[in-house]
Amino acid sequence: MDKKLANIKLVITDVDGVLTDGLLHYNAQGEAIKSFHVRDGLGIRMLIENGIEVAILSGRDSPILRKRMSDLGIKHGLLGKLEKQSACLALMEAVGVCPEETVYIGDDSVDLPAFAVCGLSFAVSDAPHYVKAQADFVLQLAGGQGAFRELSDMILQAQGKSDIYASAQGFLKTVKGMAQ
């Protein structure tokens, strides 16, 4: 696994059920809130600061999600896209990477076509068993509980950059421009 992670240049992530706990909160005007884990945000920034692109691929679109993407400096994303196979291919093309340089992280059936075209696929721990069975790796953490950060740390470690998250001096080298 480390050998494959060492070559990763793009991480594509689902949102609801991966970056959030999957709950949708509505008021009379529509979606009211989403909760994002701060460690996932820091993991995203650490990847970006170290030359690994992060892209959002979500079947839903919302001002809340767009705000989170802006806050984290995520430049690539396709929102409101349920057909994730062609979407992943389009994101890879936009970033200029091949499938072997791409990881996808998801949590549900809608993510299975993305698993099929990306070099590596990861499922969060609370994904259904049939999704976990098709993932290359199942994370220990659940969606919205730091699962993306778990993946981020794995990638940085495989690329010889664990000091970025595991030591004060390493973190201070990359802290400029970061947001959570």
C-alpha atoms as a PDB file:
ATOM      1  CA  MET A   1       0.000   0.000   0.000  1.00  0.00           C
ATOM      2  CA  ASP A   2       2.775   2.464   0.907  1.00  0.00           C
ATOM      3  CA  LYS A   3       4.334   2.038  -2.530  1.00  0.00           C
ATOM      4  CA  LYS A   4       1.088   3.059  -4.210  1.00  0.00           C
ATOM      5  CA  LEU A   5       0.474   5.935  -1.788  1.00  0.00           C
ATOM      6  CA  ALA A   6       3.979   7.246  -2.451  1.00  0.00           C
ATOM      7  CA  ASN A   7       2.914   8.098  -6.017  1.00  0.00           C
ATOM      8  CA  ILE A   8      -0.365   9.866  -5.194  1.00  0.00           C
ATOM      9  CA  LYS A   9      -0.798  13.345  -6.654  1.00  0.00           C
ATOM     10  CA  LEU A  10      -4.596  13.728  -6.394  1.00  0.00           C
ATOM     11  CA  VAL A  11      -7.119  12.845  -3.702  1.00  0.00           C
ATOM     12  CA  ILE A  12     -10.773  12.973  -4.739  1.00  0.00           C
ATOM     13  CA  THR A  13     -13.236  12.956  -1.877  1.00  0.00           C
ATOM     14  CA  ASP A  14     -16.951  12.579  -1.509  1.00  0.00           C
ATOM     15  CA  VAL A  15     -18.551  14.970   0.984  1.00  0.00           C
ATOM     16  CA  ASP A  16     -21.683  13.701   2.731  1.00  0.00           C
ATOM     17  CA  GLY A  17     -20.645  10.655   4.735  1.00  0.00           C
ATOM     18  CA  VAL A  18     -16.911  11.320   4.325  1.00  0.00           C
ATOM     19  CA  LEU A  19     -16.172  14.949   5.210  1.00  0.00           C
ATOM     20  CA  THR A  20     -19.441  15.050   7.176  1.00  0.00           C
ATOM     21  CA  ASP A  21     -21.255  12.445   9.233  1.00  0.00           C
ATOM     22  CA  GLY A  22     -23.815  12.116   6.442  1.00  0.00           C
ATOM     23  CA  LEU A  23     -26.664  13.821   8.260  1.00  0.00           C
ATOM     24  CA  LEU A  24     -28.546  16.506   6.310  1.00  0.00           C
ATOM     25  CA  HIS A  25     -29.995  19.339   8.413  1.00  0.00           C
ATOM     26  CA  TYR A  26     -32.859  21.284   6.845  1.00  0.00           C
ATOM     27  CA  ASN A  27     -34.928  24.279   7.805  1.00  0.00           C
ATOM     28  CA  ALA A  28     -37.803  25.821   5.820  1.00  0.00           C
ATOM     29  CA  GLN A  29     -35.326  27.479   3.431  1.00  0.00           C
ATOM     30  CA  GLY A  30     -33.402  24.280   2.645  1.00  0.00           C
ATOM     31  CA  GLU A  31     -30.139  22.883   3.910  1.00  0.00           C
ATOM     32  CA  ALA A  32     -29.219  24.808   7.032  1.00  0.00           C
ATOM     33  CA  ILE A  33     -25.923  23.370   8.286  1.00  0.00           C
ATOM     34  CA  LYS A  34     -23.180  20.863   7.635  1.00  0.00           C
ATOM     35  CA  SER A  35     -20.577  19.910  10.214  1.00  0.00           C
ATOM     36  CA  PHE A  36     -16.993  19.383   9.089  1.00  0.00           C
ATOM     37  CA  HIS A  37     -14.218  17.956  11.251  1.00  0.00           C
ATOM     38  CA  VAL A  38     -11.369  20.403  11.768  1.00  0.00           C
ATOM     39  CA  ARG A  39      -8.761  17.611  11.496  1.00  0.00           C
ATOM     40  CA  ASP A  40     -10.009  16.729   8.022  1.00  0.00           C
ATOM     41  CA  GLY A  41      -9.573  20.362   7.021  1.00  0.00           C
ATOM     42  CA  LEU A  42      -6.026  20.420   8.333  1.00  0.00           C
ATOM     43  CA  GLY A  43      -5.286  17.158   6.515  1.00  0.00           C
ATOM     44  CA  ILE A  44      -6.553  18.709   3.279  1.00  0.00           C
ATOM     45  CA  ARG A  45      -4.351  21.761   3.765  1.00  0.00           C
ATOM     46  CA  MET A  46      -1.285  19.669   4.588  1.00  0.00           C
ATOM     47  CA  LEU A  47      -1.755  17.718   1.355  1.00  0.00           C
ATOM     48  CA  ILE A  48      -2.227  20.873  -0.718  1.00  0.00           C
ATOM     49  CA  GLU A  49       0.760  22.597   0.908  1.00  0.00           C
ATOM     50  CA  ASN A  50       2.858  19.575  -0.048  1.00  0.00           C
ATOM     51  CA  GLY A  51       1.900  19.470  -3.709  1.00  0.00           C
ATOM     52  CA  ILE A  52      -0.957  16.958  -3.582  1.00  0.00           C
ATOM     53  CA  GLU A  53      -4.166  18.238  -5.128  1.00  0.00           C
ATOM     54  CA  VAL A  54      -7.491  17.650  -3.401  1.00  0.00           C
ATOM     55  CA  ALA A  55     -10.760  17.627  -5.339  1.00  0.00           C
ATOM     56  CA  ILE A  56     -14.331  17.541  -4.093  1.00  0.00           C
ATOM     57  CA  LEU A  57     -16.838  15.317  -5.883  1.00  0.00           C
ATOM     58  CA  SER A  58     -20.335  15.496  -4.470  1.00  0.00           C
ATOM     59  CA  GLY A  59     -23.772  14.504  -5.608  1.00  0.00           C
ATOM     60  CA  ARG A  60     -25.024  17.601  -3.814  1.00  0.00           C
ATOM     61  CA  ASP A  61     -24.231  21.289  -4.181  1.00  0.00           C
ATOM     62  CA  SER A  62     -24.743  23.908  -1.502  1.00  0.00           C
ATOM     63  CA  PRO A  63     -23.445  27.316  -0.479  1.00  0.00           C
ATOM     64  CA  ILE A  64     -22.153  25.686   2.713  1.00  0.00           C
ATOM     65  CA  LEU A  65     -19.981  23.266   0.734  1.00  0.00           C
ATOM     66  CA  ARG A  66     -18.737  26.012  -1.578  1.00  0.00           C
ATOM     67  CA  LYS A  67     -17.763  28.083   1.478  1.00  0.00           C
ATOM     68  CA  ARG A  68     -15.819  25.167   2.987  1.00  0.00           C
ATOM     69  CA  MET A  69     -14.003  24.594  -0.311  1.00  0.00           C
ATOM     70  CA  SER A  70     -13.101  28.284  -0.477  1.00  0.00           C
ATOM     71  CA  ASP A  71     -11.927  28.361   3.150  1.00  0.00           C
ATOM     72  CA  LEU A  72      -9.614  25.401   2.505  1.00  0.00           C
ATOM     73  CA  GLY A  73      -8.346  26.610  -0.872  1.00  0.00           C
ATOM     74  CA  ILE A  74      -9.685  23.608  -2.758  1.00  0.00           C
ATOM     75  CA  LYS A  75      -9.476  24.555  -6.444  1.00  0.00           C
ATOM     76  CA  HIS A  76     -10.943  21.446  -8.044  1.00  0.00           C
ATOM     77  CA  GLY A  77     -14.429  20.104  -7.638  1.00  0.00           C
ATOM     78  CA  LEU A  78     -17.548  18.865  -9.319  1.00  0.00           C
ATOM     79  CA  LEU A  79     -20.732  19.461  -7.337  1.00  0.00           C
ATOM     80  CA  GLY A  80     -24.204  18.105  -7.981  1.00  0.00           C
ATOM     81  CA  LYS A  81     -22.691  15.200  -9.906  1.00  0.00           C
ATOM     82  CA  LEU A  82     -24.121  11.766  -9.102  1.00  0.00           C
ATOM     83  CA  GLU A  83     -22.359   9.964 -11.968  1.00  0.00           C
ATOM     84  CA  LYS A  84     -18.933   9.793 -10.417  1.00  0.00           C
ATOM     85  CA  GLN A  85     -17.049   7.617 -12.895  1.00  0.00           C
ATOM     86  CA  SER A  86     -16.850  10.225 -15.659  1.00  0.00           C
ATOM     87  CA  ALA A  87     -16.486  12.950 -13.031  1.00  0.00           C
ATOM     88  CA  CYS A  88     -13.332  11.306 -11.636  1.00  0.00           C
ATOM     89  CA  LEU A  89     -11.896  10.966 -15.122  1.00  0.00           C
ATOM     90  CA  ALA A  90     -12.620  14.655 -15.778  1.00  0.00           C
ATOM     91  CA  LEU A  91     -10.952  15.690 -12.513  1.00  0.00           C
ATOM     92  CA  MET A  92      -7.886  13.565 -13.285  1.00  0.00           C
ATOM     93  CA  GLU A  93      -7.648  15.176 -16.709  1.00  0.00           C
ATOM     94  CA  ALA A  94      -8.033  18.681 -15.251  1.00  0.00           C
ATOM     95  CA  VAL A  95      -5.222  18.060 -12.749  1.00  0.00           C
ATOM     96  CA  GLY A  96      -3.047  16.190 -15.275  1.00  0.00           C
ATOM     97  CA  VAL A  97      -2.711  12.887 -13.432  1.00  0.00           C
ATOM     98  CA  CYS A  98      -3.374   9.260 -14.284  1.00  0.00           C
ATOM     99  CA  PRO A  99      -5.527   6.808 -12.306  1.00  0.00           C
ATOM    100  CA  GLU A 100      -2.474   5.298 -10.554  1.00  0.00           C
ATOM    101  CA  GLU A 101      -1.732   8.741  -9.101  1.00  0.00           C
ATOM    102  CA  THR A 102      -5.284   9.164  -7.792  1.00  0.00           C
ATOM    103  CA  VAL A 103      -7.029   8.118  -4.572  1.00  0.00           C
ATOM    104  CA  TYR A 104     -10.788   8.239  -4.061  1.00  0.00           C
ATOM    105  CA  ILE A 105     -12.446   8.184  -0.643  1.00  0.00           C
ATOM    106  CA  GLY A 106     -16.143   7.399  -0.344  1.00  0.00           C
ATOM    107  CA  ASP A 107     -18.846   5.881   1.803  1.00  0.00           C
ATOM    108  CA  ASP A 108     -21.778   4.608  -0.276  1.00  0.00           C
ATOM    109  CA  SER A 109     -23.002   2.945  -3.467  1.00  0.00           C
ATOM    110  CA  VAL A 110     -22.808   6.216  -5.410  1.00  0.00           C
ATOM    111  CA  ASP A 111     -19.010   6.053  -4.914  1.00  0.00           C
ATOM    112  CA  LEU A 112     -18.485   2.580  -6.385  1.00  0.00           C
ATOM    113  CA  PRO A 113     -18.066   3.832  -9.987  1.00  0.00           C
ATOM    114  CA  ALA A 114     -15.345   6.177  -8.703  1.00  0.00           C
ATOM    115  CA  PHE A 115     -13.638   3.250  -6.961  1.00  0.00           C
ATOM    116  CA  ALA A 116     -13.510   1.496 -10.338  1.00  0.00           C
ATOM    117  CA  VAL A 117     -11.558   4.230 -12.164  1.00  0.00           C
ATOM    118  CA  CYS A 118      -9.180   5.534  -9.485  1.00  0.00           C
ATOM    119  CA  GLY A 119      -5.894   3.842  -8.701  1.00  0.00           C
ATOM    120  CA  LEU A 120      -6.747   3.398  -5.026  1.00  0.00           C
ATOM    121  CA  SER A 121     -10.086   3.462  -3.238  1.00  0.00           C
ATOM    122  CA  PHE A 122     -10.730   4.022   0.449  1.00  0.00           C
ATOM    123  CA  ALA A 123     -13.952   3.580   2.409  1.00  0.00           C
ATOM    124  CA  VAL A 124     -14.748   5.150   5.756  1.00  0.00           C
ATOM    125  CA  SER A 125     -15.295   2.721   8.632  1.00  0.00           C
ATOM    126  CA  ASP A 126     -19.042   3.264   8.789  1.00  0.00           C
ATOM    127  CA  ALA A 127     -19.645   2.576   5.092  1.00  0.00           C
ATOM    128  CA  PRO A 128     -21.982  -0.334   4.280  1.00  0.00           C
ATOM    129  CA  HIS A 129     -20.271  -3.734   4.125  1.00  0.00           C
ATOM    130  CA  TYR A 130     -20.767  -4.038   0.346  1.00  0.00           C
ATOM    131  CA  VAL A 131     -18.939  -0.717  -0.184  1.00  0.00           C
ATOM    132  CA  LYS A 132     -16.106  -1.690   2.156  1.00  0.00           C
ATOM    133  CA  ALA A 133     -15.799  -4.995   0.280  1.00  0.00           C
ATOM    134  CA  GLN A 134     -15.015  -3.118  -2.943  1.00  0.00           C
ATOM    135  CA  ALA A 135     -12.548  -0.637  -1.435  1.00  0.00           C
ATOM    136  CA  ASP A 136      -8.817  -1.239  -1.534  1.00  0.00           C
ATOM    137  CA  PHE A 137      -8.605  -0.114   2.078  1.00  0.00           C
ATOM    138  CA  VAL A 138     -11.077   0.538   4.896  1.00  0.00           C
ATOM    139  CA  LEU A 139     -10.157   3.360   7.238  1.00  0.00           C
ATOM    140  CA  GLN A 140     -10.504   3.054  11.007  1.00  0.00           C
ATOM    141  CA  LEU A 141     -12.401   6.316  11.390  1.00  0.00           C
ATOM    142  CA  ALA A 142     -15.959   7.137  10.369  1.00  0.00           C
ATOM    143  CA  GLY A 143     -17.142   9.842   8.005  1.00  0.00           C
ATOM    144  CA  GLY A 144     -17.140  13.267   9.643  1.00  0.00           C
ATOM    145  CA  GLN A 145     -14.908  11.909  12.431  1.00  0.00           C
ATOM    146  CA  GLY A 146     -11.461  12.448  10.906  1.00  0.00           C
ATOM    147  CA  ALA A 147     -11.424   9.717   8.238  1.00  0.00           C
ATOM    148  CA  PHE A 148     -10.014  12.081   5.600  1.00  0.00           C
ATOM    149  CA  ARG A 149      -7.232  13.073   8.000  1.00  0.00           C
ATOM    150  CA  GLU A 150      -6.426   9.397   8.550  1.00  0.00           C
ATOM    151  CA  LEU A 151      -5.955   9.031   4.786  1.00  0.00           C
ATOM    152  CA  SER A 152      -3.986  12.276   4.565  1.00  0.00           C
ATOM    153  CA  ASP A 153      -1.545  11.086   7.228  1.00  0.00           C
ATOM    154  CA  MET A 154      -1.130   7.758   5.409  1.00  0.00           C
ATOM    155  CA  ILE A 155      -0.245   9.525   2.153  1.00  0.00           C
ATOM    156  CA  LEU A 156       2.182  11.952   3.774  1.00  0.00           C
ATOM    157  CA  GLN A 157       3.864   9.104   5.668  1.00  0.00           C
ATOM    158  CA  ALA A 158       4.232   7.030   2.496  1.00  0.00           C
ATOM    159  CA  GLN A 159       5.806  10.042   0.801  1.00  0.00           C
ATOM    160  CA  GLY A 160       8.342  10.485   3.600  1.00  0.00           C
ATOM    161  CA  LYS A 161       6.657  13.605   4.991  1.00  0.00           C
ATOM    162  CA  SER A 162       5.290  12.429   8.342  1.00  0.00           C
ATOM    163  CA  ASP A 163       7.228  15.176  10.133  1.00  0.00           C
ATOM    164  CA  ILE A 164       4.629  17.600   8.735  1.00  0.00           C
ATOM    165  CA  TYR A 165       1.994  16.263  11.122  1.00  0.00           C
ATOM    166  CA  ALA A 166       4.095  14.428  13.724  1.00  0.00           C
ATOM    167  CA  SER A 167       6.574  17.088  14.854  1.00  0.00           C
ATOM    168  CA  ALA A 168       6.449  20.740  15.834  1.00  0.00           C
ATOM    169  CA  GLN A 169       9.322  21.690  13.516  1.00  0.00           C
ATOM    170  CA  GLY A 170       7.834  19.833  10.576  1.00  0.00           C
ATOM    171  CA  PHE A 171       4.448  21.421  11.044  1.00  0.00           C
ATOM    172  CA  LEU A 172       5.923  24.907  11.402  1.00  0.00           C
ATOM    173  CA  LYS A 173       7.621  24.501   8.015  1.00  0.00           C
ATOM    174  CA  THR A 174       4.267  24.102   6.284  1.00  0.00           C
ATOM    175  CA  VAL A 175       1.895  26.139   8.447  1.00  0.00           C
ATOM    176  CA  LYS A 176       1.958  29.244   6.206  1.00  0.00           C
ATOM    177  CA  GLY A 177      -1.281  29.641   4.323  1.00  0.00           C
ATOM    178  CA  MET A 178      -3.046  26.868   6.174  1.00  0.00           C
ATOM    179  CA  ALA A 179      -6.625  26.977   7.354  1.00  0.00           C
ATOM    180  CA  GLN A 180      -8.749  24.359   9.065  1.00  0.00           C
END
